Amino acid sequence: MSLKIVLLEPEIPQNTGNIARTCVCTGAELHLIKPLGFSVDEKQVKRAGLDYWDKLKLFVHESYDDFKAKYPEAKIFMATTKARHTYADVAYDENSFIMFGKESAGIPEEILVENEETCIRIPMSYEMRSLNLSNAVAVILYEALRQQNFSDLQEEGQLHNYKWE
């Protein structure tokens, strides 16, 4: 199994493309919940994800209710600036879902209050509203992977023209 990134009604194609690339590089699944602010066939999405789209484990859901019906027992961490717990305070397992809301509004509060114990936030300056969505996904996804000792990921980089001594 693998970690699952969930984007609830994403609006900006470049963010989704960048997140798709991050998912491919980490072995994570990407779940998109409609309505989407773009088509996954758009050039901006494909360009941001480069040539990784054929390697992406992509699932598209018609609505939040459709998503919940498909995964009724799923533990879903809700990334929001409004949470009490930070993303580093919780324990992720290899089957965790990590949900992010749309860029302009985040996850609706009616969903957050139903999931108070799994709401998580990334600490940041009080003056700032939020991080870029693709950056927020990377921060939290890599913490979840770190907790799993980066299982199934390349642990040592390779030089192209030299060898490490």
Protein backbone atom coordinates (compact mmCIF):
# COMPACT_ATOMS: atom_id res chain seq x y z
CA MET A 1 0.00 0.00 0.00
CA SER A 2 1.00 3.63 -0.27
CA LEU A 3 0.26 7.03 1.18
CA LYS A 4 -2.60 8.86 -0.49
CA ILE A 5 -2.73 12.58 -1.24
CA VAL A 6 -6.25 13.95 -1.64
CA LEU A 7 -6.99 17.31 -3.26
CA LEU A 8 -10.50 18.57 -2.54
CA GLU A 9 -11.66 20.73 -5.46
CA PRO A 10 -8.22 21.94 -6.61
CA GLU A 11 -8.29 25.13 -8.69
CA ILE A 12 -4.80 25.77 -10.06
CA PRO A 13 -3.53 23.31 -12.69
CA GLN A 14 0.17 24.01 -12.06
CA ASN A 15 -0.20 23.08 -8.37
CA THR A 16 -1.89 19.82 -9.24
CA GLY A 17 0.79 19.04 -11.82
CA ASN A 18 3.55 19.69 -9.29
CA ILE A 19 1.75 17.55 -6.71
CA ALA A 20 1.32 14.77 -9.27
CA ARG A 21 5.07 14.79 -9.89
CA THR A 22 5.75 14.63 -6.14
CA CYS A 23 3.34 11.69 -5.83
CA VAL A 24 5.09 9.77 -8.61
CA CYS A 25 8.53 10.44 -7.06
CA THR A 26 7.35 9.14 -3.68
CA GLY A 27 5.03 6.32 -4.75
CA ALA A 28 1.99 8.11 -3.33
CA GLU A 29 -1.47 7.93 -4.88
CA LEU A 30 -3.22 11.13 -5.97
CA HIS A 31 -6.96 11.46 -5.40
CA LEU A 32 -8.77 14.43 -6.96
CA ILE A 33 -12.26 15.34 -5.77
CA LYS A 34 -14.46 17.26 -8.21
CA PRO A 35 -15.30 19.87 -9.13
CA LEU A 36 -11.85 20.64 -10.52
CA GLY A 37 -10.89 24.13 -11.66
CA PHE A 38 -9.30 22.63 -14.80
CA SER A 39 -9.14 19.48 -16.88
CA VAL A 40 -6.37 16.99 -16.12
CA ASP A 41 -5.70 17.04 -19.85
CA GLU A 42 -4.76 20.74 -19.82
CA LYS A 43 -1.28 21.71 -20.91
CA GLN A 44 -0.45 23.49 -17.64
CA VAL A 45 -1.15 20.35 -15.60
CA LYS A 46 0.84 18.14 -17.94
CA ARG A 47 3.72 20.64 -18.14
CA ALA A 48 4.02 20.92 -14.36
CA GLY A 49 3.99 17.13 -14.02
CA LEU A 50 6.39 16.77 -16.95
CA ASP A 51 6.45 13.29 -18.40
CA TYR A 52 5.38 11.59 -15.17
CA TRP A 53 1.63 11.33 -15.85
CA ASP A 54 1.75 7.79 -17.22
CA LYS A 55 3.38 6.67 -13.95
CA LEU A 56 0.84 8.41 -11.67
CA LYS A 57 -1.64 6.41 -9.58
CA LEU A 58 -4.55 8.81 -10.17
CA PHE A 59 -8.10 8.48 -8.85
CA VAL A 60 -10.82 11.04 -9.63
CA HIS A 61 -13.94 11.21 -7.45
CA GLU A 62 -17.21 12.93 -8.37
CA SER A 63 -17.68 14.53 -4.93
CA TYR A 64 -16.53 14.40 -1.31
CA ASP A 65 -19.48 12.12 -0.54
CA ASP A 66 -18.43 9.80 -3.39
CA PHE A 67 -14.88 9.72 -2.01
CA LYS A 68 -16.08 8.96 1.54
CA ALA A 69 -18.37 6.18 0.25
CA LYS A 70 -15.41 4.50 -1.49
CA TYR A 71 -13.21 4.70 1.64
CA PRO A 72 -15.58 4.61 4.63
CA GLU A 73 -12.97 3.37 7.12
CA ALA A 74 -10.10 5.58 5.91
CA LYS A 75 -8.13 7.65 8.39
CA ILE A 76 -7.93 11.03 6.70
CA PHE A 77 -5.61 13.73 7.97
CA MET A 78 -7.05 17.15 7.09
CA ALA A 79 -4.40 19.77 6.33
CA THR A 80 -5.65 23.18 7.42
CA THR A 81 -4.27 26.39 8.89
CA LYS A 82 -6.98 26.13 11.58
CA ALA A 83 -5.84 22.91 13.32
CA ARG A 84 -4.58 22.50 16.88
CA HIS A 85 -2.07 19.74 16.03
CA THR A 86 0.91 20.15 13.73
CA TYR A 87 1.68 17.71 10.94
CA ALA A 88 4.62 16.41 13.03
CA ASP A 89 2.42 15.63 16.06
CA VAL A 90 0.63 12.70 14.43
CA ALA A 91 1.62 9.20 13.34
CA TYR A 92 1.05 8.31 9.70
CA ASP A 93 0.91 4.76 8.46
CA GLU A 94 1.40 3.54 4.91
CA ASN A 95 -2.35 3.68 4.23
CA SER A 96 -2.93 7.22 5.47
CA PHE A 97 -4.91 9.69 3.41
CA ILE A 98 -3.78 13.32 3.65
CA MET A 99 -6.37 15.80 2.37
CA PHE A 100 -5.80 19.38 1.22
CA GLY A 101 -8.49 21.89 0.30
CA LYS A 102 -8.78 24.17 -2.67
CA GLU A 103 -6.30 27.00 -2.94
CA SER A 104 -8.80 29.85 -2.38
CA ALA A 105 -10.64 28.48 0.66
CA GLY A 106 -9.11 25.29 2.06
CA ILE A 107 -11.22 22.44 3.39
CA PRO A 108 -14.75 23.59 4.33
CA GLU A 109 -15.21 24.08 8.08
CA GLU A 110 -18.18 21.68 8.18
CA ILE A 111 -15.79 18.89 7.14
CA LEU A 112 -13.08 20.06 9.57
CA VAL A 113 -15.35 20.02 12.63
CA GLU A 114 -16.37 16.44 11.82
CA ASN A 115 -12.68 15.45 11.80
CA GLU A 116 -11.19 17.55 14.61
CA GLU A 117 -8.76 14.87 15.84
CA THR A 118 -7.18 14.39 12.41
CA CYS A 119 -6.84 18.07 11.49
CA ILE A 120 -3.18 19.07 11.11
CA ARG A 121 -1.36 22.29 10.30
CA ILE A 122 2.06 23.47 9.20
CA PRO A 123 3.39 26.11 11.62
CA MET A 124 4.04 29.47 10.00
CA SER A 125 4.14 33.18 10.74
CA TYR A 126 0.89 34.67 12.05
CA GLU A 127 0.93 37.36 9.38
CA MET A 128 0.75 34.84 6.54
CA ARG A 129 -2.39 33.15 5.27
CA SER A 130 -0.96 29.88 3.92
CA LEU A 131 1.79 28.14 1.99
CA ASN A 132 1.51 27.28 -1.68
CA LEU A 133 -0.51 24.06 -1.99
CA SER A 134 2.20 22.03 -3.71
CA ASN A 135 4.73 23.09 -1.05
CA ALA A 136 2.34 22.14 1.76
CA VAL A 137 1.79 18.71 0.21
CA ALA A 138 5.55 18.13 -0.04
CA VAL A 139 6.19 19.18 3.59
CA ILE A 140 3.57 16.84 5.04
CA LEU A 141 4.12 13.95 2.63
CA TYR A 142 7.83 13.87 3.37
CA GLU A 143 7.17 13.86 7.13
CA ALA A 144 4.89 10.85 6.65
CA LEU A 145 7.59 9.16 4.54
CA ARG A 146 10.25 9.99 7.15
CA GLN A 147 8.13 8.28 9.79
CA GLN A 148 8.18 5.18 7.57
CA ASN A 149 11.97 5.40 7.15
CA PHE A 150 11.50 6.37 3.49
CA SER A 151 10.44 2.82 2.77
CA ASP A 152 10.85 1.80 -0.90
CA LEU A 153 12.59 5.07 -1.84
CA GLN A 154 16.13 5.51 -3.08
CA GLU A 155 18.26 6.23 -0.04
CA GLU A 156 21.52 7.27 -1.65
CA GLY A 157 22.00 9.69 -4.52
CA GLN A 158 24.13 8.86 -7.51
CA LEU A 159 26.62 11.22 -9.13
CA HIS A 160 26.61 11.30 -12.95
CA ASN A 161 30.33 11.75 -13.62
CA TYR A 162 32.02 10.99 -10.30
CA LYS A 163 31.81 8.48 -7.47
CA TRP A 164 31.42 9.20 -3.79
CA GLU A 165 34.55 8.21 -1.86
